[in-house]
Amino acid sequence: MSYRIAGIDVHKKMLAVVVSDVEIHGEFDFERRMFGSNPEQLRLLAAWLLEQEAEEVVMESTAQYWKPVWGALERYWKPACEKREGARRRSGTLHLAQALSNRGRRGRKRDFPDAERLVKRLVAEELTLSFVPDAEQRLWRTVTRKKYQLRCDRVRLQNQLESLLEEAHIKLSSLVTDLLGVSARRMLKALADGETNPTAVAALADERLRATPGQLCDALGACTNLNVVYRRLLKMALEELRLIDEQISQLDQEMATLLRQHQDAVQRLAEVPGLGVDSAQQIIAEVGPTAATFPTGKHLSSWVGACPGDDESAGVNYSRRSPKGNRHLRRLLNQAANAAARTKGSIFEIVYRRSVPRLGHNQTIGAIAHRQCRLIWLILHQGARYEERGPAVTQQSRQNRTARMIRQLRSLGYHIESPNPRSTQAQAT
């Protein structure tokens, strides 16, 4: 019985599609067809693949242009292929190959030969395939990655704002810890609205600010003759900042709504030192609520890139540089590892202090990130719950962290019951 596989070379406006029977020994006999990338052509592509009785489809990850092709085949071709009479175990499987693993010889780049090479290398198991989650999880990824981009824009805006103030000879950033904090925003808004009295602007600072009124007046002295153009630019920056904060807040609520049914997984992940509610949501968006794709914690850490490399030949290891992996989750784990190493009394702080004299800071943070990655797999895949057993952790510190996490979860709309202090104490003992 024949077994046919289709290969798709993806472009922005067109698709080069080939289909061949891979169980015939000898040369492949390919059927070629060219399609557009608009929705109507994608439906025709799905119908043609069903007509050709293609069991599997492999395509190349070309920028973002593979996504509509994948979505159309997932919607129109995959269900019909799986339900077809005589369908095999892998019927309806979609593969996404990394472009580097399908690279041809220099000067031999053409559309249909590239698609044919995809099929040949898939059969020979020479392609590096990417993990593509289901449509719901892809939506989670879109929301979390958009929120990360907005936070990067916020940091960029803060740097531009500080540069503008320095150019205008306003040394406010030298006296306040957070240039976008409550006190600083009030003073900057007064400057943008045209206030020229340094004393009046300094009076808007919070009384808990360490800088004295005299120091603030000296730093804001240039506002008496501040050019009106600087005031306009400052007002534009504050308005853009307000819009970014509103959008981040909306995405927080949107993500909390999407992960409402996985509230328990979010809460269990947020209990790990170095992680929080927001980072727990990002992790679930990347690996799924149960990490079911990864059979062991080692597979997950290898996919993330939070493990040593293995470049060995003739018994000699030439490099232990970590693989690239998933850059979004790897960035998050490095940040969480740095935060966990500074969590007083946690086991990660002990590991950091014990290992940093021998390995140095960067390698120690990598080792902690590897531990956290394995721990994340246990929490999600096996439903485990983190319990801190560091020697310096007190009952009060546990209660404070739990209360802080519960407040954050409730602010996002999750329904969390307050733990019983007596049961918490009994569990700790």
Protein backbone atom coordinates (compact mmCIF):
# COMPACT_ATOMS: atom_id res chain seq x y z
CA MET A 1 0.00 0.00 0.00
CA SER A 2 1.35 3.41 -0.96
CA TYR A 3 2.27 6.04 1.60
CA ARG A 4 2.43 9.57 0.22
CA ILE A 5 4.12 12.58 1.82
CA ALA A 6 3.83 16.20 0.70
CA GLY A 7 6.53 18.85 0.91
CA ILE A 8 5.77 22.59 0.82
CA ASP A 9 8.30 25.32 0.09
CA VAL A 10 6.68 28.40 1.65
CA HIS A 11 6.94 31.94 0.30
CA LYS A 12 5.00 35.07 1.13
CA LYS A 13 2.78 34.99 -1.98
CA MET A 14 3.17 31.48 -3.36
CA LEU A 15 3.67 27.86 -2.31
CA ALA A 16 5.59 25.18 -4.19
CA VAL A 17 4.00 21.82 -3.30
CA VAL A 18 5.19 18.32 -4.21
CA VAL A 19 3.73 14.90 -3.34
CA SER A 20 5.44 11.54 -3.72
CA ASP A 21 5.02 7.93 -2.66
CA VAL A 22 7.87 7.20 -0.25
CA GLU A 23 7.42 3.40 -0.10
CA ILE A 24 8.48 2.82 -3.69
CA HIS A 25 12.13 1.82 -3.87
CA GLY A 26 14.36 3.83 -6.16
CA GLU A 27 13.81 7.38 -7.38
CA PHE A 28 10.98 9.52 -6.00
CA ASP A 29 8.21 10.33 -8.46
CA PHE A 30 6.93 13.78 -7.51
CA GLU A 31 3.65 15.43 -8.41
CA ARG A 32 4.17 19.22 -8.58
CA ARG A 33 1.68 22.00 -8.06
CA MET A 34 1.92 25.75 -7.42
CA PHE A 35 -0.56 27.53 -5.11
CA GLY A 36 -1.04 31.05 -3.83
CA SER A 37 -1.00 31.95 -0.16
CA ASN A 38 -4.40 33.66 0.06
CA PRO A 39 -7.22 31.89 2.00
CA GLU A 40 -9.00 30.59 -1.10
CA GLN A 41 -5.80 29.06 -2.47
CA LEU A 42 -5.04 27.46 0.89
CA ARG A 43 -8.42 25.74 0.84
CA LEU A 44 -7.66 24.50 -2.66
CA LEU A 45 -4.30 23.24 -1.37
CA ALA A 46 -6.01 21.23 1.36
CA ALA A 47 -8.46 19.75 -1.16
CA TRP A 48 -5.62 18.83 -3.54
CA LEU A 49 -3.67 17.08 -0.76
CA LEU A 50 -6.78 15.06 0.09
CA GLU A 51 -7.17 14.19 -3.58
CA GLN A 52 -3.52 13.06 -3.72
CA GLU A 53 -4.07 11.02 -0.51
CA ALA A 54 -1.10 12.63 1.25
CA GLU A 55 -0.63 11.12 4.70
CA GLU A 56 1.92 13.61 6.07
CA VAL A 57 2.95 17.16 5.20
CA VAL A 58 6.29 18.80 5.88
CA MET A 59 6.99 22.51 5.36
CA GLU A 60 9.85 24.89 6.01
CA SER A 61 9.66 27.53 8.74
CA THR A 62 9.98 30.60 6.54
CA ALA A 63 9.70 33.72 8.76
CA GLN A 64 6.03 34.04 9.77
CA TYR A 65 4.61 32.95 6.41
CA TRP A 66 4.25 29.30 7.40
CA LYS A 67 1.65 30.11 10.05
CA PRO A 68 -1.41 30.66 7.77
CA VAL A 69 -0.47 27.54 5.79
CA TRP A 70 -0.22 25.51 8.98
CA GLY A 71 -3.53 26.87 10.27
CA ALA A 72 -5.37 26.14 7.02
CA LEU A 73 -4.08 22.57 6.83
CA GLU A 74 -4.85 22.05 10.50
CA ARG A 75 -8.42 23.17 9.84
CA TYR A 76 -9.27 21.66 6.44
CA TRP A 77 -6.81 18.84 5.70
CA LYS A 78 -5.84 17.20 9.00
CA PRO A 79 -9.32 16.19 10.31
CA ALA A 80 -10.37 14.71 6.97
CA CYS A 81 -7.07 12.85 6.62
CA GLU A 82 -7.33 11.31 10.10
CA LYS A 83 -10.90 10.12 9.50
CA ARG A 84 -10.19 8.73 6.04
CA GLU A 85 -10.79 5.00 5.60
CA GLY A 86 -7.57 3.06 5.95
CA ALA A 87 -5.73 5.95 7.63
CA ARG A 88 -2.53 4.95 9.36
CA ARG A 89 -1.19 5.94 12.75
CA ARG A 90 0.67 9.04 11.50
CA SER A 91 -1.96 10.12 8.99
CA GLY A 92 -2.68 13.82 9.30
CA THR A 93 0.70 14.68 10.84
CA LEU A 94 2.12 18.13 10.10
CA HIS A 95 5.86 18.75 10.36
CA LEU A 96 7.65 22.09 10.58
CA ALA A 97 11.32 21.84 9.59
CA GLN A 98 13.95 24.37 10.55
CA ALA A 99 15.26 26.10 7.45
CA LEU A 100 18.92 25.43 8.24
CA SER A 101 18.39 21.66 8.24
CA ASN A 102 16.98 21.83 4.68
CA ARG A 103 19.70 24.04 3.23
CA GLY A 104 20.89 22.94 -0.20
CA ARG A 105 24.15 23.41 -2.01
CA ARG A 106 25.24 26.92 -2.86
CA GLY A 107 23.66 28.04 -6.13
CA ARG A 108 21.09 25.21 -6.04
CA LYS A 109 18.19 27.13 -4.45
CA ARG A 110 14.96 26.59 -6.38
CA ASP A 111 11.39 26.21 -5.25
CA PHE A 112 10.31 22.71 -6.30
CA PRO A 113 13.71 21.08 -5.62
CA ASP A 114 13.59 22.60 -2.12
CA ALA A 115 10.18 21.04 -1.52
CA GLU A 116 11.40 17.69 -2.85
CA ARG A 117 14.45 17.88 -0.58
CA LEU A 118 12.10 18.35 2.40
CA VAL A 119 10.37 15.04 1.64
CA LYS A 120 13.62 13.16 1.05
CA ARG A 121 15.25 14.41 4.24
CA LEU A 122 12.10 13.75 6.29
CA VAL A 123 12.14 10.13 5.15
CA ALA A 124 15.87 9.92 5.93
CA GLU A 125 15.27 11.58 9.34
CA GLU A 126 17.76 14.34 8.53
CA LEU A 127 15.48 17.30 9.30
CA THR A 128 15.43 19.26 12.55
CA LEU A 129 11.73 19.53 13.37
CA SER A 130 10.20 22.26 15.52
CA PHE A 131 7.61 21.83 18.26
CA VAL A 132 4.37 23.54 17.22
CA PRO A 133 1.66 23.53 19.93
CA ASP A 134 -2.07 23.49 19.32
CA ALA A 135 -4.05 26.58 18.31
CA GLU A 136 -5.06 27.45 21.87
CA GLN A 137 -1.51 27.39 23.17
CA ARG A 138 -0.30 29.40 20.16
CA LEU A 139 -2.81 32.07 21.18
CA TRP A 140 -1.32 32.09 24.70
CA ARG A 141 2.14 32.55 23.21
CA THR A 142 0.95 35.47 21.11
CA VAL A 143 -0.42 37.28 24.16
CA THR A 144 2.61 36.69 26.40
CA ARG A 145 5.12 37.63 23.70
CA LYS A 146 3.17 40.79 22.88
CA LYS A 147 3.28 41.72 26.56
CA TYR A 148 7.04 41.18 26.61
CA GLN A 149 7.42 43.47 23.59
CA LEU A 150 5.41 46.17 25.37
CA ARG A 151 7.66 45.88 28.41
CA CYS A 152 10.70 46.28 26.18
CA ASP A 153 9.05 49.38 24.71
CA ARG A 154 8.52 50.68 28.23
CA VAL A 155 12.20 50.27 29.07
CA ARG A 156 13.15 51.94 25.79
CA LEU A 157 10.82 54.83 26.59
CA GLN A 158 12.34 55.20 30.06
CA ASN A 159 15.83 55.44 28.56
CA GLN A 160 14.67 58.05 26.06
CA LEU A 161 12.99 60.01 28.83
CA GLU A 162 16.15 60.04 30.92
CA SER A 163 18.16 61.20 27.90
CA LEU A 164 15.66 64.02 27.31
CA LEU A 165 15.85 65.17 30.94
CA GLU A 166 19.64 65.14 30.90
CA GLU A 167 19.64 67.23 27.74
CA ALA A 168 17.27 69.69 29.42
CA HIS A 169 19.63 69.85 32.49
CA ILE A 170 17.05 68.28 34.83
CA LYS A 171 18.88 65.82 37.10
CA LEU A 172 15.81 64.11 38.53
CA SER A 173 17.02 60.59 37.71
CA SER A 174 20.00 61.09 40.06
CA LEU A 175 17.70 61.47 43.08
CA VAL A 176 14.82 59.04 42.47
CA THR A 177 15.16 55.28 42.28
CA ASP A 178 12.46 54.85 39.63
CA LEU A 179 12.10 57.56 37.03
CA LEU A 180 8.63 56.19 36.20
CA GLY A 181 7.51 55.90 39.83
CA VAL A 182 4.59 57.77 41.38
CA SER A 183 6.58 60.74 42.72
CA ALA A 184 8.65 61.16 39.58
CA ARG A 185 5.58 61.00 37.36
CA ARG A 186 3.82 63.72 39.32
CA MET A 187 6.83 66.01 39.01
CA LEU A 188 7.30 65.25 35.33
CA LYS A 189 3.63 65.90 34.63
CA ALA A 190 3.91 69.28 36.34
CA LEU A 191 6.91 70.11 34.16
CA ALA A 192 5.02 69.04 31.04
CA ASP A 193 2.04 71.21 32.04
CA GLY A 194 4.23 74.32 32.24
CA GLU A 195 5.20 74.64 35.92
CA THR A 196 8.25 76.92 36.30
CA ASN A 197 8.67 77.01 40.09
CA PRO A 198 11.17 74.34 41.27
CA THR A 199 9.83 74.49 44.83
CA ALA A 200 6.28 73.75 43.69
CA VAL A 201 7.46 70.82 41.59
CA ALA A 202 9.61 69.43 44.43
CA ALA A 203 6.61 69.62 46.79
CA LEU A 204 4.86 66.96 44.65
CA ALA A 205 7.36 64.31 45.75
CA ASP A 206 6.31 61.72 48.29
CA GLU A 207 7.45 62.36 51.84
CA ARG A 208 9.16 58.95 51.94
CA LEU A 209 11.53 59.98 49.15
CA ARG A 210 15.10 60.01 50.46
CA ALA A 211 16.07 63.17 48.58
CA THR A 212 15.55 66.38 50.54
CA PRO A 213 13.46 69.28 49.18
CA GLY A 214 16.63 71.30 48.75
CA GLN A 215 18.23 68.59 46.60
CA LEU A 216 15.08 68.30 44.49
CA CYS A 217 14.92 72.06 43.97
CA ASP A 218 18.54 72.06 42.85
CA ALA A 219 17.93 69.17 40.41
CA LEU A 220 14.80 70.86 39.02
CA GLY A 221 16.30 74.35 38.81
CA ALA A 222 16.39 74.32 35.01
CA CYS A 223 12.59 74.27 34.83
CA THR A 224 12.45 78.06 35.35
CA ASN A 225 13.51 78.69 31.77
CA LEU A 226 12.83 75.27 30.22
CA ASN A 227 12.23 75.44 26.49
CA VAL A 228 8.64 74.78 25.47
CA VAL A 229 9.79 72.11 23.00
CA TYR A 230 11.19 70.02 25.87
CA ARG A 231 7.85 70.32 27.67
CA ARG A 232 6.00 69.08 24.60
CA LEU A 233 8.36 66.15 24.14
CA LEU A 234 8.00 65.31 27.83
CA LYS A 235 4.23 65.37 27.56
CA MET A 236 4.34 63.06 24.53
CA ALA A 237 6.56 60.60 26.41
CA LEU A 238 4.24 60.56 29.43
CA GLU A 239 1.21 60.00 27.21
CA GLU A 240 2.94 57.13 25.43
CA LEU A 241 3.91 55.66 28.80
CA ARG A 242 0.32 55.82 30.03
CA LEU A 243 -0.88 54.03 26.88
CA ILE A 244 1.73 51.26 27.25
CA ASP A 245 0.77 50.72 30.90
CA GLU A 246 -2.90 50.44 29.96
CA GLN A 247 -2.14 47.91 27.22
CA ILE A 248 0.01 45.80 29.58
CA SER A 249 -2.80 45.80 32.12
CA GLN A 250 -5.30 44.71 29.46
CA LEU A 251 -3.01 41.86 28.37
CA ASP A 252 -2.63 40.78 32.01
CA GLN A 253 -6.38 40.42 32.32
CA GLU A 254 -6.60 38.72 28.91
CA MET A 255 -3.98 36.15 29.86
CA ALA A 256 -5.63 35.51 33.21
CA THR A 257 -8.91 34.82 31.40
CA LEU A 258 -7.27 32.45 28.90
CA LEU A 259 -5.60 30.43 31.68
CA ARG A 260 -8.57 30.39 34.03
CA GLN A 261 -9.02 26.62 33.74
CA HIS A 262 -5.31 26.09 34.51
CA GLN A 263 -5.36 28.19 37.66
CA ASP A 264 -3.91 25.40 39.80
CA ALA A 265 -0.88 24.99 37.52
CA VAL A 266 -0.25 28.75 37.61
CA GLN A 267 -0.44 28.77 41.40
CA ARG A 268 1.89 25.77 41.81
CA LEU A 269 4.50 27.32 39.50
CA ALA A 270 4.28 30.71 41.21
CA GLU A 271 5.35 29.09 44.49
CA VAL A 272 8.86 28.37 43.15
CA PRO A 273 11.49 30.92 44.30
CA GLY A 274 12.39 33.27 41.47
CA LEU A 275 9.05 32.75 39.71
CA GLY A 276 5.77 34.61 40.07
CA VAL A 277 2.31 34.68 38.57
CA ASP A 278 3.40 36.44 35.38
CA SER A 279 6.39 34.15 34.77
CA ALA A 280 4.23 31.10 35.52
CA GLN A 281 1.80 32.18 32.82
CA GLN A 282 4.63 32.65 30.34
CA ILE A 283 6.01 29.18 31.10
CA ILE A 284 2.62 27.53 30.59
CA ALA A 285 2.20 29.43 27.32
CA GLU A 286 5.51 28.04 26.04
CA VAL A 287 5.42 24.39 27.22
CA GLY A 288 1.71 23.78 27.89
CA PRO A 289 -0.22 23.28 31.14
CA THR A 290 1.12 19.72 31.63
CA ALA A 291 4.31 19.76 29.51
CA ALA A 292 2.91 16.63 27.86
CA THR A 293 5.14 16.99 24.79
CA PHE A 294 8.28 16.31 26.82
CA PRO A 295 8.57 12.77 28.27
CA THR A 296 11.22 13.73 30.86
CA GLY A 297 12.69 16.81 32.46
CA LYS A 298 15.88 16.22 30.48
CA HIS A 299 13.97 16.56 27.22
CA LEU A 300 12.47 19.84 28.39
CA SER A 301 15.80 21.31 29.50
CA SER A 302 17.37 20.26 26.19
CA TRP A 303 14.55 21.91 24.22
CA VAL A 304 14.85 25.10 26.28
CA GLY A 305 18.64 25.13 25.98
CA ALA A 306 19.17 25.15 29.75
CA CYS A 307 21.67 22.30 29.75
CA PRO A 308 25.35 21.81 28.83
CA GLY A 309 26.18 21.03 25.24
CA ASP A 310 27.70 17.73 24.17
CA ASP A 311 30.21 18.15 21.33
CA GLU A 312 32.14 14.92 21.75
CA SER A 313 34.39 13.05 19.34
CA ALA A 314 36.68 10.11 20.08
CA GLY A 315 35.94 10.41 23.78
CA VAL A 316 36.96 14.09 23.91
CA ASN A 317 34.40 16.80 24.63
CA TYR A 318 35.37 19.90 22.67
CA SER A 319 32.57 22.20 23.81
CA ARG A 320 29.92 22.31 26.52
CA ARG A 321 28.27 25.46 25.26
CA SER A 322 24.50 25.28 25.78
CA PRO A 323 22.29 24.91 22.69
CA LYS A 324 20.19 27.85 21.55
CA GLY A 325 16.82 26.31 22.40
CA ASN A 326 13.65 28.31 22.98
CA ARG A 327 14.93 31.86 23.47
CA HIS A 328 11.77 33.12 25.19
CA LEU A 329 11.79 30.45 27.91
CA ARG A 330 15.56 30.54 28.22
CA ARG A 331 15.47 34.29 28.88
CA LEU A 332 12.76 33.77 31.48
CA LEU A 333 14.67 30.99 33.24
CA ASN A 334 17.86 33.06 33.42
CA GLN A 335 15.92 35.91 35.01
CA ALA A 336 14.23 33.51 37.43
CA ALA A 337 17.58 31.91 38.33
CA ASN A 338 19.07 35.32 39.18
CA ALA A 339 16.04 36.11 41.34
CA ALA A 340 16.11 32.70 43.05
CA ALA A 341 19.82 33.06 43.88
CA ARG A 342 18.94 36.25 45.79
CA THR A 343 16.00 34.71 47.66
CA LYS A 344 17.21 34.53 51.24
CA GLY A 345 16.98 31.11 52.83
CA SER A 346 16.07 29.23 49.66
CA ILE A 347 17.89 26.15 48.44
CA PHE A 348 18.86 28.07 45.30
CA GLU A 349 20.75 30.64 47.37
CA ILE A 350 22.68 27.79 49.01
CA VAL A 351 23.50 26.28 45.61
CA TYR A 352 24.64 29.67 44.33
CA ARG A 353 26.95 30.40 47.28
CA ARG A 354 28.38 26.89 47.13
CA SER A 355 29.04 26.88 43.36
CA VAL A 356 29.96 30.46 42.45
CA PRO A 357 33.60 30.31 43.73
CA ARG A 358 34.27 27.33 41.47
CA LEU A 359 32.10 28.07 38.41
CA GLY A 360 31.67 31.83 38.41
CA HIS A 361 28.41 33.76 38.25
CA ASN A 362 27.28 32.96 34.69
CA GLN A 363 27.80 29.21 34.87
CA THR A 364 26.22 29.04 38.32
CA ILE A 365 23.13 30.87 37.06
CA GLY A 366 23.01 28.38 34.18
CA ALA A 367 23.13 25.48 36.64
CA ILE A 368 20.30 26.98 38.71
CA ALA A 369 18.25 27.57 35.54
CA HIS A 370 18.76 23.89 34.67
CA ARG A 371 17.49 22.85 38.13
CA GLN A 372 14.48 25.12 37.80
CA CYS A 373 13.69 23.71 34.35
CA ARG A 374 13.67 20.15 35.70
CA LEU A 375 11.56 21.34 38.63
CA ILE A 376 9.06 23.00 36.26
CA TRP A 377 8.62 19.70 34.44
CA LEU A 378 7.90 17.89 37.72
CA ILE A 379 5.36 20.50 38.77
CA LEU A 380 3.50 20.54 35.46
CA HIS A 381 3.84 16.94 34.28
CA GLN A 382 3.45 15.13 37.60
CA GLY A 383 1.33 17.69 39.47
CA ALA A 384 3.93 18.11 42.23
CA ARG A 385 3.99 21.11 44.55
CA TYR A 386 7.13 22.98 45.57
CA GLU A 387 8.05 22.93 49.26
CA GLU A 388 10.96 25.04 50.44
CA ARG A 389 13.23 23.30 52.92
CA GLY A 390 16.06 25.79 53.14
CA PRO A 391 17.53 26.13 56.67
CA ALA A 392 16.89 29.87 56.94
CA VAL A 393 13.24 29.80 55.79
CA THR A 394 10.85 30.70 58.60
CA GLN A 395 7.14 30.23 58.94
CA GLN A 396 6.65 33.99 58.71
CA SER A 397 8.56 34.24 55.42
CA ARG A 398 6.43 31.44 53.97
CA GLN A 399 3.23 33.17 55.00
CA ASN A 400 4.40 36.51 53.60
CA ARG A 401 5.27 34.99 50.23
CA THR A 402 1.97 33.08 50.09
CA ALA A 403 -0.04 36.19 50.94
CA ARG A 404 1.81 38.21 48.29
CA MET A 405 1.13 35.57 45.64
CA ILE A 406 -2.55 35.32 46.59
CA ARG A 407 -2.98 39.10 46.29
CA GLN A 408 -1.45 39.03 42.84
CA LEU A 409 -3.64 36.13 41.71
CA ARG A 410 -6.79 37.81 43.01
CA SER A 411 -5.89 41.07 41.25
CA LEU A 412 -5.99 39.11 37.97
CA GLY A 413 -9.44 37.70 38.74
CA TYR A 414 -8.50 34.22 40.00
CA HIS A 415 -10.58 32.74 42.80
CA ILE A 416 -8.12 31.80 45.57
CA GLU A 417 -9.10 30.61 49.01
CA SER A 418 -6.97 31.86 51.88
CA PRO A 419 -4.91 29.03 53.42
CA ASN A 420 -5.56 28.00 57.00
CA PRO A 421 -2.60 29.15 59.15
CA ARG A 422 -2.91 26.10 61.41
CA SER A 423 -2.82 23.64 58.52
CA THR A 424 0.13 25.51 57.03
CA GLN A 425 2.03 25.27 60.31
CA ALA A 426 1.22 21.56 60.66
CA GLN A 427 2.43 20.89 57.10
CA ALA A 428 5.66 22.78 57.79
CA THR A 429 6.38 20.77 60.90
